All heavy atoms as atom14 arrays in JSON, in Angstrom:
{
  "sequence": "EVATKHPSISRATVYRNLARMAEAGDIANIGSVDGSAHYDNR",
  "atom14_mask": [
    [1, 1, 1, 1, 1, 1, 1, 1, 1, 0, 0, 0, 0, 0],
    [1, 1, 1, 1, 1, 1, 1, 0, 0, 0, 0, 0, 0, 0],
    [1, 1, 1, 1, 1, 0, 0, 0, 0, 0, 0, 0, 0, 0],
    [1, 1, 1, 1, 1, 1, 1, 0, 0, 0, 0, 0, 0, 0],
    [1, 1, 1, 1, 1, 1, 1, 1, 1, 0, 0, 0, 0, 0],
    [1, 1, 1, 1, 1, 1, 1, 1, 1, 1, 0, 0, 0, 0],
    [1, 1, 1, 1, 1, 1, 1, 0, 0, 0, 0, 0, 0, 0],
    [1, 1, 1, 1, 1, 1, 0, 0, 0, 0, 0, 0, 0, 0],
    [1, 1, 1, 1, 1, 1, 1, 1, 0, 0, 0, 0, 0, 0],
    [1, 1, 1, 1, 1, 1, 0, 0, 0, 0, 0, 0, 0, 0],
    [1, 1, 1, 1, 1, 1, 1, 1, 1, 1, 1, 0, 0, 0],
    [1, 1, 1, 1, 1, 0, 0, 0, 0, 0, 0, 0, 0, 0],
    [1, 1, 1, 1, 1, 1, 1, 0, 0, 0, 0, 0, 0, 0],
    [1, 1, 1, 1, 1, 1, 1, 0, 0, 0, 0, 0, 0, 0],
    [1, 1, 1, 1, 1, 1, 1, 1, 1, 1, 1, 1, 0, 0],
    [1, 1, 1, 1, 1, 1, 1, 1, 1, 1, 1, 0, 0, 0],
    [1, 1, 1, 1, 1, 1, 1, 1, 0, 0, 0, 0, 0, 0],
    [1, 1, 1, 1, 1, 1, 1, 1, 0, 0, 0, 0, 0, 0],
    [1, 1, 1, 1, 1, 0, 0, 0, 0, 0, 0, 0, 0, 0],
    [1, 1, 1, 1, 1, 1, 1, 1, 1, 1, 1, 0, 0, 0],
    [1, 1, 1, 1, 1, 1, 1, 1, 0, 0, 0, 0, 0, 0],
    [1, 1, 1, 1, 1, 0, 0, 0, 0, 0, 0, 0, 0, 0],
    [1, 1, 1, 1, 1, 1, 1, 1, 1, 0, 0, 0, 0, 0],
    [1, 1, 1, 1, 1, 0, 0, 0, 0, 0, 0, 0, 0, 0],
    [1, 1, 1, 1, 0, 0, 0, 0, 0, 0, 0, 0, 0, 0],
    [1, 1, 1, 1, 1, 1, 1, 1, 0, 0, 0, 0, 0, 0],
    [1, 1, 1, 1, 1, 1, 1, 1, 0, 0, 0, 0, 0, 0],
    [1, 1, 1, 1, 1, 0, 0, 0, 0, 0, 0, 0, 0, 0],
    [1, 1, 1, 1, 1, 1, 1, 1, 0, 0, 0, 0, 0, 0],
    [1, 1, 1, 1, 1, 1, 1, 1, 0, 0, 0, 0, 0, 0],
    [1, 1, 1, 1, 0, 0, 0, 0, 0, 0, 0, 0, 0, 0],
    [1, 1, 1, 1, 1, 1, 0, 0, 0, 0, 0, 0, 0, 0],
    [1, 1, 1, 1, 1, 1, 1, 0, 0, 0, 0, 0, 0, 0],
    [1, 1, 1, 1, 1, 1, 1, 1, 0, 0, 0, 0, 0, 0],
    [1, 1, 1, 1, 0, 0, 0, 0, 0, 0, 0, 0, 0, 0],
    [1, 1, 1, 1, 1, 1, 0, 0, 0, 0, 0, 0, 0, 0],
    [1, 1, 1, 1, 1, 0, 0, 0, 0, 0, 0, 0, 0, 0],
    [1, 1, 1, 1, 1, 1, 1, 1, 1, 1, 0, 0, 0, 0],
    [1, 1, 1, 1, 1, 1, 1, 1, 1, 1, 1, 1, 0, 0],
    [1, 1, 1, 1, 1, 1, 1, 1, 0, 0, 0, 0, 0, 0],
    [1, 1, 1, 1, 1, 1, 1, 1, 0, 0, 0, 0, 0, 0],
    [1, 1, 1, 1, 1, 1, 1, 1, 1, 1, 1, 0, 0, 0]
  ],
  "atom14_positions": [
    [[8.3, 4.34, 4.41], [7.9, 4.75, 5.77], [7.91, 3.55, 6.72], [8.41, 3.63, 7.83], [6.53, 5.41, 5.73], [6.0, 5.85, 7.08], [6.77, 7.02, 7.69], [7.5, 7.74, 6.96], [6.63, 7.22, 8.91], [0.0, 0.0, 0.0], [0.0, 0.0, 0.0], [0.0, 0.0, 0.0], [0.0, 0.0, 0.0], [0.0, 0.0, 0.0]],
    [[7.33, 2.44, 6.27], [7.3, 1.23, 7.12], [8.73, 0.73, 7.37], [9.07, 0.36, 8.49], [6.44, 0.12, 6.46], [6.58, -1.2, 7.2], [4.97, 0.55, 6.43], [0.0, 0.0, 0.0], [0.0, 0.0, 0.0], [0.0, 0.0, 0.0], [0.0, 0.0, 0.0], [0.0, 0.0, 0.0], [0.0, 0.0, 0.0], [0.0, 0.0, 0.0]],
    [[9.56, 0.75, 6.34], [10.93, 0.23, 6.45], [11.79, 1.04, 7.41], [12.75, 0.5, 7.98], [11.57, 0.16, 5.08], [0.0, 0.0, 0.0], [0.0, 0.0, 0.0], [0.0, 0.0, 0.0], [0.0, 0.0, 0.0], [0.0, 0.0, 0.0], [0.0, 0.0, 0.0], [0.0, 0.0, 0.0], [0.0, 0.0, 0.0], [0.0, 0.0, 0.0]],
    [[11.47, 2.32, 7.61], [12.25, 3.11, 8.56], [12.08, 2.58, 9.98], [13.0, 2.67, 10.78], [11.87, 4.6, 8.54], [10.5, 4.74, 8.9], [12.13, 5.23, 7.19], [0.0, 0.0, 0.0], [0.0, 0.0, 0.0], [0.0, 0.0, 0.0], [0.0, 0.0, 0.0], [0.0, 0.0, 0.0], [0.0, 0.0, 0.0], [0.0, 0.0, 0.0]],
    [[10.92, 2.04, 10.27], [10.65, 1.51, 11.61], [10.87, 0.01, 11.7], [11.15, -0.51, 12.77], [9.22, 1.87, 12.01], [9.03, 3.37, 12.12], [7.6, 3.74, 12.42], [7.5, 5.24, 12.55], [6.59, 5.85, 11.66], [0.0, 0.0, 0.0], [0.0, 0.0, 0.0], [0.0, 0.0, 0.0], [0.0, 0.0, 0.0], [0.0, 0.0, 0.0]],
    [[10.7, -0.68, 10.58], [10.86, -2.15, 10.53], [11.66, -2.52, 9.28], [11.08, -2.94, 8.27], [9.48, -2.83, 10.53], [8.74, -2.6, 11.8], [8.94, -3.37, 12.91], [7.84, -1.65, 12.15], [8.17, -2.91, 13.9], [7.51, -1.86, 13.45], [0.0, 0.0, 0.0], [0.0, 0.0, 0.0], [0.0, 0.0, 0.0], [0.0, 0.0, 0.0]],
    [[12.98, -2.36, 9.35], [13.82, -2.56, 8.16], [13.78, -3.97, 7.58], [14.13, -4.17, 6.42], [15.23, -2.24, 8.65], [15.11, -1.72, 10.03], [13.72, -1.93, 10.51], [0.0, 0.0, 0.0], [0.0, 0.0, 0.0], [0.0, 0.0, 0.0], [0.0, 0.0, 0.0], [0.0, 0.0, 0.0], [0.0, 0.0, 0.0], [0.0, 0.0, 0.0]],
    [[13.32, -4.94, 8.35], [13.31, -6.32, 7.83], [12.1, -6.61, 6.94], [12.06, -7.64, 6.28], [13.34, -7.32, 8.99], [12.18, -7.17, 9.78], [0.0, 0.0, 0.0], [0.0, 0.0, 0.0], [0.0, 0.0, 0.0], [0.0, 0.0, 0.0], [0.0, 0.0, 0.0], [0.0, 0.0, 0.0], [0.0, 0.0, 0.0], [0.0, 0.0, 0.0]],
    [[11.13, -5.7, 6.9], [9.94, -5.96, 6.08], [10.32, -5.84, 4.6], [11.1, -4.98, 4.21], [8.78, -5.01, 6.44], [7.46, -5.54, 5.88], [9.05, -3.59, 5.99], [6.24, -4.93, 6.5], [0.0, 0.0, 0.0], [0.0, 0.0, 0.0], [0.0, 0.0, 0.0], [0.0, 0.0, 0.0], [0.0, 0.0, 0.0], [0.0, 0.0, 0.0]],
    [[9.78, -6.7, 3.8], [10.1, -6.67, 2.36], [9.13, -5.78, 1.6], [7.98, -5.59, 2.01], [10.09, -8.07, 1.77], [8.77, -8.53, 1.61], [0.0, 0.0, 0.0], [0.0, 0.0, 0.0], [0.0, 0.0, 0.0], [0.0, 0.0, 0.0], [0.0, 0.0, 0.0], [0.0, 0.0, 0.0], [0.0, 0.0, 0.0], [0.0, 0.0, 0.0]],
    [[9.6, -5.27, 0.5], [8.77, -4.45, -0.4], [7.56, -5.27, -0.87], [6.44, -4.78, -0.91], [9.62, -3.98, -1.58], [8.9, -3.09, -2.55], [9.84, -2.58, -3.64], [10.53, -1.37, -3.18], [11.82, -1.3, -2.87], [12.6, -2.34, -2.98], [12.35, -0.16, -2.46], [0.0, 0.0, 0.0], [0.0, 0.0, 0.0], [0.0, 0.0, 0.0]],
    [[7.8, -6.54, -1.22], [6.73, -7.41, -1.7], [5.64, -7.58, -0.65], [4.45, -7.61, -0.98], [7.29, -8.77, -2.11], [0.0, 0.0, 0.0], [0.0, 0.0, 0.0], [0.0, 0.0, 0.0], [0.0, 0.0, 0.0], [0.0, 0.0, 0.0], [0.0, 0.0, 0.0], [0.0, 0.0, 0.0], [0.0, 0.0, 0.0], [0.0, 0.0, 0.0]],
    [[6.03, -7.68, 0.62], [5.04, -7.82, 1.7], [4.16, -6.59, 1.78], [2.93, -6.7, 1.9], [5.75, -8.06, 3.04], [6.45, -9.31, 2.97], [4.77, -8.09, 4.21], [0.0, 0.0, 0.0], [0.0, 0.0, 0.0], [0.0, 0.0, 0.0], [0.0, 0.0, 0.0], [0.0, 0.0, 0.0], [0.0, 0.0, 0.0], [0.0, 0.0, 0.0]],
    [[4.75, -5.42, 1.69], [3.97, -4.18, 1.75], [3.05, -4.08, 0.54], [1.85, -3.82, 0.68], [4.89, -2.95, 1.86], [4.1, -1.65, 1.72], [5.65, -2.97, 3.18], [0.0, 0.0, 0.0], [0.0, 0.0, 0.0], [0.0, 0.0, 0.0], [0.0, 0.0, 0.0], [0.0, 0.0, 0.0], [0.0, 0.0, 0.0], [0.0, 0.0, 0.0]],
    [[3.56, -4.32, -0.65], [2.75, -4.22, -1.86], [1.6, -5.24, -1.84], [0.47, -4.9, -2.19], [3.62, -4.45, -3.1], [4.41, -3.24, -3.54], [5.28, -2.58, -2.67], [4.32, -2.76, -4.82], [6.02, -1.49, -3.07], [5.06, -1.66, -5.24], [5.9, -1.02, -4.36], [6.62, 0.07, -4.77], [0.0, 0.0, 0.0], [0.0, 0.0, 0.0]],
    [[1.89, -6.46, -1.42], [0.86, -7.5, -1.37], [-0.24, -7.12, -0.37], [-1.43, -7.25, -0.64], [1.49, -8.85, -1.0], [0.52, -10.01, -0.96], [1.22, -11.35, -0.69], [1.99, -11.34, 0.56], [3.33, -11.31, 0.63], [4.07, -11.28, -0.46], [3.93, -11.3, 1.8], [0.0, 0.0, 0.0], [0.0, 0.0, 0.0], [0.0, 0.0, 0.0]],
    [[0.17, -6.61, 0.79], [-0.81, -6.23, 1.8], [-1.62, -5.01, 1.37], [-2.81, -4.93, 1.67], [-0.12, -6.0, 3.15], [0.08, -7.28, 3.9], [-0.82, -7.78, 4.55], [1.27, -7.86, 3.79], [0.0, 0.0, 0.0], [0.0, 0.0, 0.0], [0.0, 0.0, 0.0], [0.0, 0.0, 0.0], [0.0, 0.0, 0.0], [0.0, 0.0, 0.0]],
    [[-1.0, -4.08, 0.67], [-1.76, -2.94, 0.16], [-2.86, -3.42, -0.79], [-4.0, -2.96, -0.72], [-0.83, -1.96, -0.57], [0.01, -1.05, 0.31], [1.08, -0.36, -0.52], [-0.86, -0.04, 1.04], [0.0, 0.0, 0.0], [0.0, 0.0, 0.0], [0.0, 0.0, 0.0], [0.0, 0.0, 0.0], [0.0, 0.0, 0.0], [0.0, 0.0, 0.0]],
    [[-2.51, -4.34, -1.68], [-3.5, -4.86, -2.62], [-4.64, -5.57, -1.89], [-5.81, -5.37, -2.21], [-2.83, -5.82, -3.61], [0.0, 0.0, 0.0], [0.0, 0.0, 0.0], [0.0, 0.0, 0.0], [0.0, 0.0, 0.0], [0.0, 0.0, 0.0], [0.0, 0.0, 0.0], [0.0, 0.0, 0.0], [0.0, 0.0, 0.0], [0.0, 0.0, 0.0]],
    [[-4.3, -6.38, -0.9], [-5.32, -7.09, -0.13], [-6.21, -6.13, 0.65], [-7.43, -6.3, 0.71], [-4.67, -8.08, 0.84], [-4.09, -9.29, 0.17], [-3.45, -10.2, 1.18], [-2.86, -11.37, 0.52], [-1.97, -12.17, 1.09], [-1.56, -11.94, 2.32], [-1.5, -13.2, 0.43], [0.0, 0.0, 0.0], [0.0, 0.0, 0.0], [0.0, 0.0, 0.0]],
    [[-5.59, -5.12, 1.27], [-6.36, -4.16, 2.06], [-7.29, -3.34, 1.18], [-8.42, -3.05, 1.56], [-5.4, -3.27, 2.85], [-4.65, -4.02, 3.93], [-3.28, -3.08, 4.63], [-4.19, -1.79, 5.52], [0.0, 0.0, 0.0], [0.0, 0.0, 0.0], [0.0, 0.0, 0.0], [0.0, 0.0, 0.0], [0.0, 0.0, 0.0], [0.0, 0.0, 0.0]],
    [[-6.82, -2.98, -0.01], [-7.67, -2.23, -0.94], [-8.82, -3.1, -1.42], [-9.97, -2.65, -1.5], [-6.85, -1.71, -2.11], [0.0, 0.0, 0.0], [0.0, 0.0, 0.0], [0.0, 0.0, 0.0], [0.0, 0.0, 0.0], [0.0, 0.0, 0.0], [0.0, 0.0, 0.0], [0.0, 0.0, 0.0], [0.0, 0.0, 0.0], [0.0, 0.0, 0.0]],
    [[-8.55, -4.36, -1.72], [-9.59, -5.29, -2.16], [-10.63, -5.51, -1.07], [-11.83, -5.6, -1.35], [-8.97, -6.63, -2.57], [-9.97, -7.68, -2.96], [-10.78, -7.34, -4.2], [-10.29, -6.6, -5.06], [-11.93, -7.81, -4.3], [0.0, 0.0, 0.0], [0.0, 0.0, 0.0], [0.0, 0.0, 0.0], [0.0, 0.0, 0.0], [0.0, 0.0, 0.0]],
    [[-10.18, -5.55, 0.18], [-11.09, -5.75, 1.3], [-11.84, -4.47, 1.67], [-12.8, -4.52, 2.44], [-10.32, -6.27, 2.52], [0.0, 0.0, 0.0], [0.0, 0.0, 0.0], [0.0, 0.0, 0.0], [0.0, 0.0, 0.0], [0.0, 0.0, 0.0], [0.0, 0.0, 0.0], [0.0, 0.0, 0.0], [0.0, 0.0, 0.0], [0.0, 0.0, 0.0]],
    [[-11.41, -3.32, 1.14], [-12.07, -2.06, 1.46], [-11.55, -1.41, 2.72], [-12.15, -0.46, 3.22], [0.0, 0.0, 0.0], [0.0, 0.0, 0.0], [0.0, 0.0, 0.0], [0.0, 0.0, 0.0], [0.0, 0.0, 0.0], [0.0, 0.0, 0.0], [0.0, 0.0, 0.0], [0.0, 0.0, 0.0], [0.0, 0.0, 0.0], [0.0, 0.0, 0.0]],
    [[-10.41, -1.87, 3.24], [-9.82, -1.27, 4.44], [-9.14, 0.06, 4.12], [-9.02, 0.92, 4.99], [-8.79, -2.21, 5.06], [-9.42, -3.52, 5.49], [-10.6, -3.53, 5.87], [-8.71, -4.55, 5.47], [0.0, 0.0, 0.0], [0.0, 0.0, 0.0], [0.0, 0.0, 0.0], [0.0, 0.0, 0.0], [0.0, 0.0, 0.0], [0.0, 0.0, 0.0]],
    [[-8.64, 0.2, 2.91], [-8.07, 1.43, 2.4], [-8.59, 1.58, 0.97], [-9.16, 0.64, 0.42], [-6.52, 1.42, 2.41], [-5.97, 0.28, 1.55], [-5.99, 1.37, 3.84], [-4.45, 0.29, 1.41], [0.0, 0.0, 0.0], [0.0, 0.0, 0.0], [0.0, 0.0, 0.0], [0.0, 0.0, 0.0], [0.0, 0.0, 0.0], [0.0, 0.0, 0.0]],
    [[-8.38, 2.74, 0.39], [-8.83, 2.95, -0.99], [-7.62, 3.12, -1.9], [-6.7, 3.88, -1.59], [-9.7, 4.19, -1.07], [0.0, 0.0, 0.0], [0.0, 0.0, 0.0], [0.0, 0.0, 0.0], [0.0, 0.0, 0.0], [0.0, 0.0, 0.0], [0.0, 0.0, 0.0], [0.0, 0.0, 0.0], [0.0, 0.0, 0.0], [0.0, 0.0, 0.0]],
    [[-7.63, 2.4, -3.0], [-6.66, 2.64, -4.07], [-7.33, 3.67, -4.96], [-8.29, 3.36, -5.66], [-6.37, 1.35, -4.83], [-5.41, 1.53, -5.98], [-5.23, 2.63, -6.48], [-4.8, 0.44, -6.41], [0.0, 0.0, 0.0], [0.0, 0.0, 0.0], [0.0, 0.0, 0.0], [0.0, 0.0, 0.0], [0.0, 0.0, 0.0], [0.0, 0.0, 0.0]],
    [[-6.84, 4.9, -4.92], [-7.52, 5.96, -5.66], [-7.05, 6.04, -7.11], [-7.45, 6.93, -7.85], [-7.41, 7.33, -4.97], [-5.96, 7.78, -4.8], [-8.12, 7.29, -3.63], [-5.83, 9.19, -4.28], [0.0, 0.0, 0.0], [0.0, 0.0, 0.0], [0.0, 0.0, 0.0], [0.0, 0.0, 0.0], [0.0, 0.0, 0.0], [0.0, 0.0, 0.0]],
    [[-6.24, 5.1, -7.5], [-5.87, 4.98, -8.89], [-4.52, 5.57, -9.21], [-3.85, 6.15, -8.37], [0.0, 0.0, 0.0], [0.0, 0.0, 0.0], [0.0, 0.0, 0.0], [0.0, 0.0, 0.0], [0.0, 0.0, 0.0], [0.0, 0.0, 0.0], [0.0, 0.0, 0.0], [0.0, 0.0, 0.0], [0.0, 0.0, 0.0], [0.0, 0.0, 0.0]],
    [[-4.17, 5.41, -10.45], [-2.89, 5.9, -10.95], [-3.06, 7.33, -11.42], [-3.83, 7.61, -12.32], [-2.4, 5.02, -12.09], [-1.2, 5.53, -12.61], [0.0, 0.0, 0.0], [0.0, 0.0, 0.0], [0.0, 0.0, 0.0], [0.0, 0.0, 0.0], [0.0, 0.0, 0.0], [0.0, 0.0, 0.0], [0.0, 0.0, 0.0], [0.0, 0.0, 0.0]],
    [[-2.35, 8.2, -10.77], [-2.43, 9.61, -11.12], [-1.19, 10.01, -11.91], [-1.27, 10.67, -12.92], [-2.56, 10.48, -9.85], [-2.51, 11.95, -10.18], [-3.83, 10.12, -9.1], [0.0, 0.0, 0.0], [0.0, 0.0, 0.0], [0.0, 0.0, 0.0], [0.0, 0.0, 0.0], [0.0, 0.0, 0.0], [0.0, 0.0, 0.0], [0.0, 0.0, 0.0]],
    [[-0.04, 9.54, -11.5], [1.23, 9.91, -12.13], [2.01, 8.66, -12.55], [3.22, 8.68, -12.61], [2.05, 10.74, -11.16], [2.25, 10.03, -9.82], [1.79, 8.88, -9.67], [2.87, 10.62, -8.91], [0.0, 0.0, 0.0], [0.0, 0.0, 0.0], [0.0, 0.0, 0.0], [0.0, 0.0, 0.0], [0.0, 0.0, 0.0], [0.0, 0.0, 0.0]],
    [[1.29, 7.59, -12.82], [1.94, 6.33, -13.17], [2.07, 5.4, -11.99], [2.47, 4.24, -12.15], [0.0, 0.0, 0.0], [0.0, 0.0, 0.0], [0.0, 0.0, 0.0], [0.0, 0.0, 0.0], [0.0, 0.0, 0.0], [0.0, 0.0, 0.0], [0.0, 0.0, 0.0], [0.0, 0.0, 0.0], [0.0, 0.0, 0.0], [0.0, 0.0, 0.0]],
    [[1.75, 5.87, -10.79], [1.82, 5.05, -9.58], [0.45, 5.07, -8.89], [-0.2, 6.11, -8.86], [2.85, 5.61, -8.6], [4.13, 5.6, -9.16], [0.0, 0.0, 0.0], [0.0, 0.0, 0.0], [0.0, 0.0, 0.0], [0.0, 0.0, 0.0], [0.0, 0.0, 0.0], [0.0, 0.0, 0.0], [0.0, 0.0, 0.0], [0.0, 0.0, 0.0]],
    [[0.07, 3.93, -8.34], [-1.17, 3.89, -7.57], [-0.99, 4.67, -6.28], [0.08, 4.63, -5.67], [-1.55, 2.44, -7.26], [0.0, 0.0, 0.0], [0.0, 0.0, 0.0], [0.0, 0.0, 0.0], [0.0, 0.0, 0.0], [0.0, 0.0, 0.0], [0.0, 0.0, 0.0], [0.0, 0.0, 0.0], [0.0, 0.0, 0.0], [0.0, 0.0, 0.0]],
    [[-2.02, 5.38, -5.89], [-2.01, 6.14, -4.64], [-3.08, 5.57, -3.73], [-4.14, 5.15, -4.19], [-2.29, 7.62, -4.92], [-1.16, 8.3, -5.62], [-0.26, 9.1, -4.96], [-0.77, 8.28, -6.92], [0.63, 9.55, -5.83], [0.33, 9.07, -7.02], [0.0, 0.0, 0.0], [0.0, 0.0, 0.0], [0.0, 0.0, 0.0], [0.0, 0.0, 0.0]],
    [[-2.8, 5.57, -2.42], [-3.69, 4.96, -1.45], [-4.18, 6.0, -0.46], [-3.48, 6.95, -0.13], [-2.96, 3.83, -0.71], [-2.62, 2.69, -1.64], [-1.42, 2.66, -2.32], [-3.53, 1.66, -1.87], [-1.11, 1.64, -3.21], [-3.23, 0.64, -2.75], [-2.02, 0.63, -3.41], [-1.73, -0.38, -4.29], [0.0, 0.0, 0.0], [0.0, 0.0, 0.0]],
    [[-5.4, 5.78, 0.01], [-6.07, 6.71, 0.92], [-6.67, 5.92, 2.05], [-7.37, 4.93, 1.82], [-7.16, 7.46, 0.15], [-7.69, 8.69, 0.86], [-7.38, 8.88, 2.06], [-8.43, 9.46, 0.22], [0.0, 0.0, 0.0], [0.0, 0.0, 0.0], [0.0, 0.0, 0.0], [0.0, 0.0, 0.0], [0.0, 0.0, 0.0], [0.0, 0.0, 0.0]],
    [[-6.42, 6.34, 3.3], [-7.04, 5.67, 4.44], [-8.29, 6.39, 4.91], [-8.95, 5.97, 5.83], [-6.04, 5.5, 5.59], [-5.52, 6.82, 6.13], [-5.68, 7.86, 5.51], [-4.9, 6.78, 7.29], [0.0, 0.0, 0.0], [0.0, 0.0, 0.0], [0.0, 0.0, 0.0], [0.0, 0.0, 0.0], [0.0, 0.0, 0.0], [0.0, 0.0, 0.0]],
    [[-8.65, 7.46, 4.22], [-9.9, 8.17, 4.52], [-10.97, 7.57, 3.61], [-10.95, 7.78, 2.4], [-9.72, 9.66, 4.25], [-8.7, 10.29, 5.17], [-8.39, 11.72, 4.7], [-7.23, 12.23, 5.38], [-5.99, 12.18, 4.9], [-5.76, 11.64, 3.72], [-4.98, 12.66, 5.58], [0.0, 0.0, 0.0], [0.0, 0.0, 0.0], [0.0, 0.0, 0.0]]
  ]
}
C-alpha cells in the first residue's frame, strides 16, 4: 500500500518502522494468525 504512493520506499524501511511503532505502542502487533504478523491501528 505504501509503495503504491511512494515507490522508492524499501520493504526493510516499512518492516523496521512497523516493529518500532509496535514496540512504542503506536500500533498493535496482534500476532501471527496465518504465519504472518498482523497490525492494528485501533
